[in-house]
C-alpha cells in the first residue's frame, strides 16, 4: 500500500471525513486529498502528527514496515498544548462529538 492508501484507510476506519481530519491537522481538505491520492507527500512534522493521531508508526506510513504498530509514545507538552488550542477552536457541538469519538476509540488503549 502507498502512503495515500494507508492514510485513506486509517481515516475511513476511524469513520471521519477528509474535512474533519484536515481540520484536526490544520490543513485544507484539498491538501489532504492530494496526500490520499499520492499526488503530494506531507512534510516530516505532519507525517509525525498523522502517525500520532492514528496511533501508528511513521515507519508504517512510509512503507518501511507493513506491521501496523501502535505508537505508544506520550505527547510532548508542546503537542498537548497544540491539540488543546485546536480543540478550543471547535464549536461546542464539534467538541462534544470529538470527545465522544476519542473516548470510544481510546478506551483501554494504555
PDB file of N, CA and C in Angstrom:
ATOM      1  N   UNK A   1       0.837  -1.192   0.000  1.00  0.00           N
ATOM      2  CA  UNK A   1       0.000   0.000   0.000  1.00  0.00           C
ATOM      3  C   UNK A   1       0.874   1.245   0.000  1.00  0.00           C
ATOM      4  N   UNK A   2       0.416   2.264  -0.694  1.00  0.00           N
ATOM      5  CA  UNK A   2       1.129   3.536  -0.716  1.00  0.00           C
ATOM      6  C   UNK A   2       0.772   4.351   0.525  1.00  0.00           C
ATOM      7  N   UNK A   3       1.514   5.434   0.742  1.00  0.00           N
ATOM      8  CA  UNK A   3       1.213   6.337   1.853  1.00  0.00           C
ATOM      9  C   UNK A   3      -0.242   6.791   1.774  1.00  0.00           C
ATOM     10  N   UNK A   4      -0.650   7.237   0.601  1.00  0.00           N
ATOM     11  CA  UNK A   4      -2.011   7.745   0.432  1.00  0.00           C
ATOM     12  C   UNK A   4      -3.074   6.698   0.713  1.00  0.00           C
ATOM     13  N   UNK A   5      -2.843   5.481   0.265  1.00  0.00           N
ATOM     14  CA  UNK A   5      -3.797   4.396   0.517  1.00  0.00           C
ATOM     15  C   UNK A   5      -3.897   4.100   2.010  1.00  0.00           C
ATOM     16  N   UNK A   6      -2.761   4.118   2.693  1.00  0.00           N
ATOM     17  CA  UNK A   6      -2.755   3.883   4.139  1.00  0.00           C
ATOM     18  C   UNK A   6      -3.487   5.004   4.865  1.00  0.00           C
ATOM     19  N   UNK A   7      -3.214   6.246   4.468  1.00  0.00           N
ATOM     20  CA  UNK A   7      -3.865   7.389   5.097  1.00  0.00           C
ATOM     21  C   UNK A   7      -5.373   7.313   4.932  1.00  0.00           C
ATOM     22  N   UNK A   8      -5.821   7.047   3.728  1.00  0.00           N
ATOM     23  CA  UNK A   8      -7.262   6.961   3.465  1.00  0.00           C
ATOM     24  C   UNK A   8      -7.885   5.807   4.255  1.00  0.00           C
ATOM     25  N   UNK A   9      -7.220   4.670   4.285  1.00  0.00           N
ATOM     26  CA  UNK A   9      -7.728   3.515   5.009  1.00  0.00           C
ATOM     27  C   UNK A   9      -7.846   3.810   6.505  1.00  0.00           C
ATOM     28  N   UNK A  10      -6.811   4.405   7.084  1.00  0.00           N
ATOM     29  CA  UNK A  10      -6.849   4.751   8.507  1.00  0.00           C
ATOM     30  C   UNK A  10      -7.977   5.738   8.803  1.00  0.00           C
ATOM     31  N   UNK A  11      -8.129   6.727   7.940  1.00  0.00           N
ATOM     32  CA  UNK A  11      -9.180   7.732   8.127  1.00  0.00           C
ATOM     33  C   UNK A  11     -10.556   7.084   8.071  1.00  0.00           C
ATOM     34  N   UNK A  12     -10.760   6.238   7.081  1.00  0.00           N
ATOM     35  CA  UNK A  12     -12.062   5.587   6.924  1.00  0.00           C
ATOM     36  C   UNK A  12     -12.346   4.628   8.082  1.00  0.00           C
ATOM     37  N   UNK A  13     -11.325   3.937   8.580  1.00  0.00           N
ATOM     38  CA  UNK A  13     -11.518   3.044   9.728  1.00  0.00           C
ATOM     39  C   UNK A  13     -11.942   3.822  10.969  1.00  0.00           C
ATOM     40  N   UNK A  14     -11.480   5.051  11.090  1.00  0.00           N
ATOM     41  CA  UNK A  14     -11.871   5.898  12.221  1.00  0.00           C
ATOM     42  C   UNK A  14     -13.240   6.534  12.008  1.00  0.00           C
ATOM     43  N   UNK A  15     -13.749   6.419  10.784  1.00  0.00           N
ATOM     44  CA  UNK A  15     -15.075   6.960  10.499  1.00  0.00           C
ATOM     45  C   UNK A  15     -15.129   8.475  10.456  1.00  0.00           C
ATOM     46  N   UNK A  16     -14.040   9.082   9.991  1.00  0.00           N
ATOM     47  CA  UNK A  16     -14.034  10.545   9.897  1.00  0.00           C
ATOM     48  C   UNK A  16     -13.876  10.972   8.446  1.00  0.00           C
ATOM     49  N   UNK A  17     -14.370  12.149   8.153  1.00  0.00           N
ATOM     50  CA  UNK A  17     -14.311  12.675   6.792  1.00  0.00           C
ATOM     51  C   UNK A  17     -12.956  13.334   6.541  1.00  0.00           C
ATOM     52  N   UNK A  18     -12.703  13.597   5.275  1.00  0.00           N
ATOM     53  CA  UNK A  18     -11.486  14.342   4.932  1.00  0.00           C
ATOM     54  C   UNK A  18     -11.512  15.711   5.614  1.00  0.00           C
ATOM     55  N   UNK A  19     -12.652  16.365   5.625  1.00  0.00           N
ATOM     56  CA  UNK A  19     -12.782  17.690   6.233  1.00  0.00           C
ATOM     57  C   UNK A  19     -12.435  17.632   7.721  1.00  0.00           C
ATOM     58  N   UNK A  20     -12.962  16.628   8.416  1.00  0.00           N
ATOM     59  CA  UNK A  20     -12.701  16.517   9.856  1.00  0.00           C
ATOM     60  C   UNK A  20     -11.216  16.286  10.130  1.00  0.00           C
ATOM     61  N   UNK A  21     -10.599  15.394   9.380  1.00  0.00           N
ATOM     62  CA  UNK A  21      -9.175  15.136   9.589  1.00  0.00           C
ATOM     63  C   UNK A  21      -8.345  16.360   9.210  1.00  0.00           C
ATOM     64  N   UNK A  22      -8.685  16.986   8.106  1.00  0.00           N
ATOM     65  CA  UNK A  22      -7.952  18.183   7.685  1.00  0.00           C
ATOM     66  C   UNK A  22      -8.022  19.271   8.759  1.00  0.00           C
ATOM     67  N   UNK A  23      -9.204  19.459   9.338  1.00  0.00           N
ATOM     68  CA  UNK A  23      -9.355  20.463  10.395  1.00  0.00           C
ATOM     69  C   UNK A  23      -8.482  20.125  11.595  1.00  0.00           C
ATOM     70  N   UNK A  24      -8.444  18.862  11.967  1.00  0.00           N
ATOM     71  CA  UNK A  24      -7.615  18.443  13.099  1.00  0.00           C
ATOM     72  C   UNK A  24      -6.122  18.640  12.827  1.00  0.00           C
ATOM     73  N   UNK A  25      -5.734  18.445  11.580  1.00  0.00           N
ATOM     74  CA  UNK A  25      -4.323  18.580  11.214  1.00  0.00           C
ATOM     75  C   UNK A  25      -3.955  20.004  10.822  1.00  0.00           C
ATOM     76  N   UNK A  26      -4.976  20.877  10.804  1.00  0.00           N
ATOM     77  CA  UNK A  26      -4.775  22.286  10.455  1.00  0.00           C
ATOM     78  C   UNK A  26      -4.256  22.453   9.019  1.00  0.00           C
ATOM     79  N   UNK A  27      -4.853  21.664   8.112  1.00  0.00           N
ATOM     80  CA  UNK A  27      -4.546  21.775   6.690  1.00  0.00           C
ATOM     81  C   UNK A  27      -5.871  21.850   5.933  1.00  0.00           C
ATOM     82  N   UNK A  28      -5.815  22.131   4.647  1.00  0.00           N
ATOM     83  CA  UNK A  28      -7.042  22.180   3.860  1.00  0.00           C
ATOM     84  C   UNK A  28      -7.471  20.770   3.467  1.00  0.00           C
ATOM     85  N   UNK A  29      -8.758  20.617   3.185  1.00  0.00           N
ATOM     86  CA  UNK A  29      -9.268  19.333   2.741  1.00  0.00           C
ATOM     87  C   UNK A  29      -8.636  18.944   1.410  1.00  0.00           C
ATOM     88  N   UNK A  30      -8.435  19.932   0.539  1.00  0.00           N
ATOM     89  CA  UNK A  30      -7.847  19.626  -0.767  1.00  0.00           C
ATOM     90  C   UNK A  30      -6.401  19.140  -0.621  1.00  0.00           C
ATOM     91  N   UNK A  31      -5.672  19.686   0.337  1.00  0.00           N
ATOM     92  CA  UNK A  31      -4.298  19.218   0.577  1.00  0.00           C
ATOM     93  C   UNK A  31      -4.318  17.767   1.065  1.00  0.00           C
ATOM     94  N   UNK A  32      -5.231  17.464   1.985  1.00  0.00           N
ATOM     95  CA  UNK A  32      -5.356  16.086   2.461  1.00  0.00           C
ATOM     96  C   UNK A  32      -5.708  15.152   1.308  1.00  0.00           C
ATOM     97  N   UNK A  33      -6.590  15.602   0.441  1.00  0.00           N
ATOM     98  CA  UNK A  33      -6.985  14.805  -0.717  1.00  0.00           C
ATOM     99  C   UNK A  33      -5.772  14.488  -1.594  1.00  0.00           C
ATOM    100  N   UNK A  34      -4.893  15.460  -1.783  1.00  0.00           N
ATOM    101  CA  UNK A  34      -3.677  15.227  -2.580  1.00  0.00           C
ATOM    102  C   UNK A  34      -2.780  14.170  -1.941  1.00  0.00           C
ATOM    103  N   UNK A  35      -2.731  14.154  -0.603  1.00  0.00           N
ATOM    104  CA  UNK A  35      -1.958  13.118   0.086  1.00  0.00           C
ATOM    105  C   UNK A  35      -2.589  11.749  -0.157  1.00  0.00           C
ATOM    106  N   UNK A  36      -3.924  11.691  -0.077  1.00  0.00           N
ATOM    107  CA  UNK A  36      -4.612  10.404  -0.219  1.00  0.00           C
ATOM    108  C   UNK A  36      -4.504   9.823  -1.630  1.00  0.00           C
ATOM    109  N   UNK A  37      -4.348  10.683  -2.630  1.00  0.00           N
ATOM    110  CA  UNK A  37      -4.199  10.161  -4.000  1.00  0.00           C
ATOM    111  C   UNK A  37      -2.723  10.101  -4.417  1.00  0.00           C
ATOM    112  N   UNK A  38      -1.836  10.288  -3.445  1.00  0.00           N
ATOM    113  CA  UNK A  38      -0.384  10.204  -3.663  1.00  0.00           C
ATOM    114  C   UNK A  38       0.138  11.215  -4.680  1.00  0.00           C
ATOM    115  N   UNK A  39      -0.540  12.356  -4.754  1.00  0.00           N
ATOM    116  CA  UNK A  39      -0.061  13.420  -5.629  1.00  0.00           C
ATOM    117  C   UNK A  39       0.951  14.313  -4.904  1.00  0.00           C
ATOM    118  N   UNK A  40       0.883  14.337  -3.583  1.00  0.00           N
ATOM    119  CA  UNK A  40       1.812  15.093  -2.743  1.00  0.00           C
ATOM    120  C   UNK A  40       2.139  14.248  -1.521  1.00  0.00           C
ATOM    121  N   UNK A  41       3.260  14.583  -0.873  1.00  0.00           N
ATOM    122  CA  UNK A  41       3.657  13.938   0.373  1.00  0.00           C
ATOM    123  C   UNK A  41       3.747  14.993   1.472  1.00  0.00           C
ATOM    124  N   UNK A  42       3.260  14.675   2.678  1.00  0.00           N
ATOM    125  CA  UNK A  42       3.376  15.652   3.772  1.00  0.00           C
ATOM    126  C   UNK A  42       4.832  15.774   4.223  1.00  0.00           C
ATOM    127  N   UNK A  43       5.142  16.905   4.843  1.00  0.00           N
ATOM    128  CA  UNK A  43       6.493  17.068   5.377  1.00  0.00           C
ATOM    129  C   UNK A  43       6.651  16.184   6.621  1.00  0.00           C
ATOM    130  N   UNK A  44       7.864  16.163   7.132  1.00  0.00           N
ATOM    131  CA  UNK A  44       8.188  15.291   8.259  1.00  0.00           C
ATOM    132  C   UNK A  44       7.282  15.549   9.465  1.00  0.00           C
ATOM    133  N   UNK A  45       7.135  16.807   9.848  1.00  0.00           N
ATOM    134  CA  UNK A  45       6.349  17.135  11.040  1.00  0.00           C
ATOM    135  C   UNK A  45       4.900  16.689  10.895  1.00  0.00           C
ATOM    136  N   UNK A  46       4.319  16.901   9.721  1.00  0.00           N
ATOM    137  CA  UNK A  46       2.931  16.493   9.511  1.00  0.00           C
ATOM    138  C   UNK A  46       2.815  14.971   9.480  1.00  0.00           C
ATOM    139  N   UNK A  47       3.804  14.289   8.926  1.00  0.00           N
ATOM    140  CA  UNK A  47       3.798  12.826   8.925  1.00  0.00           C
ATOM    141  C   UNK A  47       3.794  12.298  10.359  1.00  0.00           C
ATOM    142  N   UNK A  48       4.587  12.899  11.218  1.00  0.00           N
ATOM    143  CA  UNK A  48       4.624  12.508  12.631  1.00  0.00           C
ATOM    144  C   UNK A  48       3.274  12.785  13.283  1.00  0.00           C
ATOM    145  N   UNK A  49       2.694  13.931  12.988  1.00  0.00           N
ATOM    146  CA  UNK A  49       1.392  14.295  13.549  1.00  0.00           C
ATOM    147  C   UNK A  49       0.311  13.291  13.115  1.00  0.00           C
ATOM    148  N   UNK A  50       0.329  12.905  11.852  1.00  0.00           N
ATOM    149  CA  UNK A  50      -0.632  11.922  11.338  1.00  0.00           C
ATOM    150  C   UNK A  50      -0.436  10.575  12.041  1.00  0.00           C
ATOM    151  N   UNK A  51       0.808  10.140  12.147  1.00  0.00           N
ATOM    152  CA  UNK A  51       1.101   8.871  12.821  1.00  0.00           C
ATOM    153  C   UNK A  51       0.608   8.900  14.263  1.00  0.00           C
ATOM    154  N   UNK A  52       0.861   9.986  14.963  1.00  0.00           N
ATOM    155  CA  UNK A  52       0.415  10.106  16.350  1.00  0.00           C
ATOM    156  C   UNK A  52      -1.104  10.073  16.447  1.00  0.00           C
ATOM    157  N   UNK A  53      -1.762  10.764  15.550  1.00  0.00           N
ATOM    158  CA  UNK A  53      -3.227  10.807  15.583  1.00  0.00           C
ATOM    159  C   UNK A  53      -3.819   9.410  15.413  1.00  0.00           C
ATOM    160  N   UNK A  54      -3.288   8.644  14.479  1.00  0.00           N
ATOM    161  CA  UNK A  54      -3.840   7.319  14.203  1.00  0.00           C
ATOM    162  C   UNK A  54      -3.217   6.217  15.060  1.00  0.00           C
ATOM    163  N   UNK A  55      -2.202   6.558  15.855  1.00  0.00           N
ATOM    164  CA  UNK A  55      -1.599   5.560  16.721  1.00  0.00           C
ATOM    165  C   UNK A  55      -0.798   4.513  15.973  1.00  0.00           C
ATOM    166  N   UNK A  56      -0.145   4.936  14.890  1.00  0.00           N
ATOM    167  CA  UNK A  56       0.711   4.036  14.119  1.00  0.00           C
ATOM    168  C   UNK A  56       2.110   4.643  14.058  1.00  0.00           C
ATOM    169  N   UNK A  57       3.046   3.868  13.598  1.00  0.00           N
ATOM    170  CA  UNK A  57       4.409   4.379  13.476  1.00  0.00           C
ATOM    171  C   UNK A  57       4.580   5.111  12.140  1.00  0.00           C
ATOM    172  N   UNK A  58       5.533   6.019  12.110  1.00  0.00           N
ATOM    173  CA  UNK A  58       5.861   6.668  10.840  1.00  0.00           C
ATOM    174  C   UNK A  58       6.445   5.650   9.872  1.00  0.00           C
ATOM    175  N   UNK A  59       7.129   4.648  10.390  1.00  0.00           N
ATOM    176  CA  UNK A  59       7.654   3.591   9.526  1.00  0.00           C
ATOM    177  C   UNK A  59       6.524   2.900   8.759  1.00  0.00           C
ATOM    178  N   UNK A  60       5.409   2.652   9.430  1.00  0.00           N
ATOM    179  CA  UNK A  60       4.268   2.040   8.755  1.00  0.00           C
ATOM    180  C   UNK A  60       3.746   2.967   7.655  1.00  0.00           C
ATOM    181  N   UNK A  61       3.535   4.234   7.990  1.00  0.00           N
ATOM    182  CA  UNK A  61       3.007   5.173   6.996  1.00  0.00           C
ATOM    183  C   UNK A  61       3.925   5.294   5.785  1.00  0.00           C
ATOM    184  N   UNK A  62       5.225   5.270   6.029  1.00  0.00           N
ATOM    185  CA  UNK A  62       6.189   5.477   4.956  1.00  0.00           C
ATOM    186  C   UNK A  62       6.581   4.194   4.230  1.00  0.00           C
ATOM    187  N   UNK A  63       5.986   3.072   4.624  1.00  0.00           N
ATOM    188  CA  UNK A  63       6.233   1.820   3.918  1.00  0.00           C
ATOM    189  C   UNK A  63       7.489   1.087   4.324  1.00  0.00           C
ATOM    190  N   UNK A  64       8.078   1.473   5.454  1.00  0.00           N
ATOM    191  CA  UNK A  64       9.292   0.788   5.906  1.00  0.00           C
ATOM    192  C   UNK A  64       8.967  -0.510   6.633  1.00  0.00           C
ATOM    193  N   UNK A  65       7.714  -0.641   7.047  1.00  0.00           N
ATOM    194  CA  UNK A  65       7.230  -1.870   7.652  1.00  0.00           C
ATOM    195  C   UNK A  65       5.763  -2.025   7.282  1.00  0.00           C
ATOM    196  N   UNK A  66       5.329  -3.257   7.152  1.00  0.00           N
ATOM    197  CA  UNK A  66       3.908  -3.486   6.847  1.00  0.00           C
ATOM    198  C   UNK A  66       3.122  -3.742   8.123  1.00  0.00           C
ATOM    199  N   UNK A  67       3.829  -3.844   9.231  1.00  0.00           N
ATOM    200  CA  UNK A  67       3.195  -4.106  10.521  1.00  0.00           C
ATOM    201  C   UNK A  67       2.603  -2.806  11.073  1.00  0.00           C
ATOM    202  N   UNK A  68       1.305  -2.847  11.312  1.00  0.00           N
ATOM    203  CA  UNK A  68       0.643  -1.679  11.907  1.00  0.00           C
ATOM    204  C   UNK A  68       0.901  -1.741  13.404  1.00  0.00           C
ATOM    205  N   UNK A  69       1.752  -0.852  13.857  1.00  0.00           N
ATOM    206  CA  UNK A  69       2.116  -0.839  15.267  1.00  0.00           C
ATOM    207  C   UNK A  69       1.508   0.368  15.942  1.00  0.00           C
ATOM    208  N   UNK A  70       1.034   0.170  17.141  1.00  0.00           N
ATOM    209  CA  UNK A  70       0.573   1.308  17.923  1.00  0.00           C
ATOM    210  C   UNK A  70       1.781   2.150  18.296  1.00  0.00           C
ATOM    211  N   UNK A  71       1.633   3.429  18.167  1.00  0.00           N
ATOM    212  CA  UNK A  71       2.673   4.353  18.592  1.00  0.00           C
ATOM    213  C   UNK A  71       2.327   4.757  20.017  1.00  0.00           C
ATOM    214  N   UNK A  72       3.088   4.269  20.972  1.00  0.00           N
ATOM    215  CA  UNK A  72       2.714   4.459  22.367  1.00  0.00           C
ATOM    216  C   UNK A  72       3.429   5.617  23.043  1.00  0.00           C
ATOM    217  N   UNK A  73       4.168   6.398  22.306  1.00  0.00           N
ATOM    218  CA  UNK A  73       4.885   7.478  22.961  1.00  0.00           C
ATOM    219  C   UNK A  73       3.919   8.545  23.460  1.00  0.00           C
ATOM    220  N   UNK A  74       4.296   9.192  24.515  1.00  0.00           N
ATOM    221  CA  UNK A  74       3.491  10.273  25.074  1.00  0.00           C
ATOM    222  C   UNK A  74       3.677  11.532  24.229  1.00  0.00           C
ATOM    223  N   UNK A  75       2.646  12.352  24.191  1.00  0.00           N
ATOM    224  CA  UNK A  75       2.772  13.637  23.513  1.00  0.00           C
ATOM    225  C   UNK A  75       3.683  14.548  24.323  1.00  0.00           C
ATOM    226  N   UNK A  76       4.435  15.380  23.627  1.00  0.00           N
ATOM    227  CA  UNK A  76       5.252  16.371  24.315  1.00  0.00           C
ATOM    228  C   UNK A  76       4.331  17.449  24.872  1.00  0.00           C
ATOM    229  N   UNK A  77       4.793  18.239  25.829  1.00  0.00           N
ATOM    230  CA  UNK A  77       3.958  19.331  26.340  1.00  0.00           C
ATOM    231  C   UNK A  77       3.519  20.295  25.224  1.00  0.00           C
ATOM    232  N   UNK A  78       4.397  20.525  24.257  1.00  0.00           N
ATOM    233  CA  UNK A  78       4.045  21.412  23.142  1.00  0.00           C
ATOM    234  C   UNK A  78       2.939  20.808  22.287  1.00  0.00           C
ATOM    235  N   UNK A  79       3.016  19.501  22.030  1.00  0.00           N
ATOM    236  CA  UNK A  79       1.976  18.829  21.250  1.00  0.00           C
ATOM    237  C   UNK A  79       0.639  18.847  21.983  1.00  0.00           C
ATOM    238  N   UNK A  80       0.677  18.624  23.292  1.00  0.00           N
ATOM    239  CA  UNK A  80      -0.555  18.664  24.078  1.00  0.00           C
ATOM    240  C   UNK A  80      -1.195  20.054  24.000  1.00  0.00           C
ATOM    241  N   UNK A  81      -0.377  21.074  24.141  1.00  0.00           N
ATOM    242  CA  UNK A  81      -0.907  22.443  24.077  1.00  0.00           C
ATOM    243  C   UNK A  81      -1.463  22.749  22.695  1.00  0.00           C
ATOM    244  N   UNK A  82      -0.782  22.287  21.664  1.00  0.00           N
ATOM    245  CA  UNK A  82      -1.255  22.488  20.296  1.00  0.00           C
ATOM    246  C   UNK A  82      -2.636  21.859  20.111  1.00  0.00           C
ATOM    247  N   UNK A  83      -2.800  20.612  20.585  1.00  0.00           N
ATOM    248  CA  UNK A  83      -4.109  19.952  20.459  1.00  0.00           C
ATOM    249  C   UNK A  83      -5.162  20.655  21.301  1.00  0.00           C
ATOM    250  N   UNK A  84      -4.792  21.143  22.496  1.00  0.00           N
ATOM    251  CA  UNK A  84      -5.744  21.900  23.327  1.00  0.00           C
ATOM    252  C   UNK A  84      -6.241  23.142  22.595  1.00  0.00           C
ATOM    253  N   UNK A  85      -5.317  23.854  21.981  1.00  0.00           N
ATOM    254  CA  UNK A  85      -5.691  25.077  21.259  1.00  0.00           C
ATOM    255  C   UNK A  85      -6.610  24.765  20.085  1.00  0.00           C
ATOM    256  N   UNK A  86      -6.314  23.713  19.351  1.00  0.00           N
ATOM    257  CA  UNK A  86      -7.172  23.334  18.223  1.00  0.00           C
ATOM    258  C   UNK A  86      -8.568  22.968  18.714  1.00  0.00           C
ATOM    259  N   UNK A  87      -8.620  22.225  19.814  1.00  0.00           N
ATOM    260  CA  UNK A  87      -9.896  21.786  20.362  1.00  0.00           C
ATOM    261  C   UNK A  87     -10.739  22.983  20.801  1.00  0.00           C
ATOM    262  N   UNK A  88     -10.090  23.988  21.387  1.00  0.00           N
ATOM    263  CA  UNK A  88     -10.814  25.180  21.847  1.00  0.00           C
ATOM    264  C   UNK A  88     -11.488  25.907  20.691  1.00  0.00           C
ATOM    265  N   UNK A  89     -10.932  25.778  19.495  1.00  0.00           N
ATOM    266  CA  UNK A  89     -11.498  26.462  18.330  1.00  0.00           C
ATOM    267  C   UNK A  89     -12.679  25.722  17.709  1.00  0.00           C
ATOM    268  N   UNK A  90     -12.946  24.497  18.180  1.00  0.00           N
ATOM    269  CA  UNK A  90     -14.113  23.749  17.685  1.00  0.00           C
ATOM    270  C   UNK A  90     -15.385  24.353  18.258  1.00  0.00           C
ATOM    271  N   UNK A  91     -16.477  24.210  17.538  1.00  0.00           N
ATOM    272  CA  UNK A  91     -17.777  24.613  18.072  1.00  0.00           C
ATOM    273  C   UNK A  91     -18.123  23.686  19.236  1.00  0.00           C
ATOM    274  N   UNK A  92     -19.063  24.092  20.077  1.00  0.00           N
ATOM    275  CA  UNK A  92     -19.469  23.267  21.218  1.00  0.00           C
ATOM    276  C   UNK A  92     -19.965  21.902  20.741  1.00  0.00           C
ATOM    277  N   UNK A  93     -20.728  21.890  19.651  1.00  0.00           N
ATOM    278  CA  UNK A  93     -21.241  20.630  19.111  1.00  0.00           C
ATOM    279  C   UNK A  93     -20.097  19.732  18.640  1.00  0.00           C
ATOM    280  N   UNK A  94     -19.112  20.309  17.930  1.00  0.00           N
ATOM    281  CA  UNK A  94     -17.956  19.535  17.474  1.00  0.00           C
ATOM    282  C   UNK A  94     -17.134  19.012  18.653  1.00  0.00           C
ATOM    283  N   UNK A  95     -17.003  19.825  19.709  1.00  0.00           N
ATOM    284  CA  UNK A  95     -16.271  19.373  20.888  1.00  0.00           C
ATOM    285  C   UNK A  95     -16.926  18.140  21.494  1.00  0.00           C
ATOM    286  N   UNK A  96     -18.255  18.165  21.618  1.00  0.00           N
ATOM    287  CA  UNK A  96     -18.975  17.009  22.170  1.00  0.00           C
ATOM    288  C   UNK A  96     -18.775  15.779  21.289  1.00  0.00           C
ATOM    289  N   UNK A  97     -18.882  15.977  19.978  1.00  0.00           N
ATOM    290  CA  UNK A  97     -18.724  14.873  19.037  1.00  0.00           C
ATOM    291  C   UNK A  97     -17.328  14.270  19.124  1.00  0.00           C
ATOM    292  N   UNK A  98     -16.299  15.126  19.155  1.00  0.00           N
ATOM    293  CA  UNK A  98     -14.931  14.623  19.204  1.00  0.00           C
ATOM    294  C   UNK A  98     -14.612  13.973  20.539  1.00  0.00           C
ATOM    295  N   UNK A  99     -15.120  14.523  21.639  1.00  0.00           N
ATOM    296  CA  UNK A  99     -14.887  13.883  22.934  1.00  0.00           C
ATOM    297  C   UNK A  99     -15.474  12.479  22.950  1.00  0.00           C
ATOM    298  N   UNK A 100     -16.683  12.332  22.444  1.00  0.00           N
ATOM    299  CA  UNK A 100     -17.312  11.011  22.377  1.00  0.00           C
ATOM    300  C   UNK A 100     -16.483  10.076  21.507  1.00  0.00           C
ATOM    301  N   UNK A 101     -16.000  10.589  20.376  1.00  0.00           N
ATOM    302  CA  UNK A 101     -15.188   9.770  19.466  1.00  0.00           C
ATOM    303  C   UNK A 101     -13.892   9.326  20.142  1.00  0.00           C
ATOM    304  N   UNK A 102     -13.191  10.266  20.808  1.00  0.00           N
ATOM    305  CA  UNK A 102     -11.931   9.917  21.461  1.00  0.00           C
ATOM    306  C   UNK A 102     -12.148   8.891  22.569  1.00  0.00           C
ATOM    307  N   UNK A 103     -13.188   9.077  23.357  1.00  0.00           N
ATOM    308  CA  UNK A 103     -13.465   8.125  24.432  1.00  0.00           C
ATOM    309  C   UNK A 103     -13.729   6.739  23.859  1.00  0.00           C
ATOM    310  N   UNK A 104     -14.549   6.669  22.813  1.00  0.00           N
ATOM    311  CA  UNK A 104     -14.854   5.378  22.199  1.00  0.00           C
ATOM    312  C   UNK A 104     -13.625   4.716  21.603  1.00  0.00           C
ATOM    313  N   UNK A 105     -12.730   5.500  21.022  1.00  0.00           N
ATOM    314  CA  UNK A 105     -11.585   4.928  20.314  1.00  0.00           C
ATOM    315  C   UNK A 105     -10.360   4.679  21.169  1.00  0.00           C
ATOM    316  N   UNK A 106     -10.305   5.272  22.334  1.00  0.00           N
ATOM    317  CA  UNK A 106      -9.091   5.104  23.140  1.00  0.00           C
ATOM    318  C   UNK A 106      -9.343   4.454  24.486  1.00  0.00           C
ATOM    319  N   UNK A 107     -10.518   3.875  24.676  1.00  0.00           N
ATOM    320  CA  UNK A 107     -10.795   3.133  25.917  1.00  0.00           C
ATOM    321  C   UNK A 107      -9.821   1.985  26.013  1.00  0.00           C
ATOM    322  N   UNK A 108      -9.154   1.898  27.138  1.00  0.00           N
ATOM    323  CA  UNK A 108      -8.279   0.750  27.378  1.00  0.00           C
ATOM    324  C   UNK A 108      -7.069   0.669  26.481  1.00  0.00           C
ATOM    325  N   UNK A 109      -6.659   1.779  25.844  1.00  0.00           N
ATOM    326  CA  UNK A 109      -5.513   1.707  24.935  1.00  0.00           C
ATOM    327  C   UNK A 109      -4.180   1.749  25.665  1.00  0.00           C
ATOM    328  N   UNK A 110      -4.178   2.007  26.944  1.00  0.00           N
ATOM    329  CA  UNK A 110      -2.918   2.023  27.696  1.00  0.00           C
ATOM    330  C   UNK A 110      -2.530   0.676  28.178  1.00  0.00           C
TER     331      UNK A 110
END
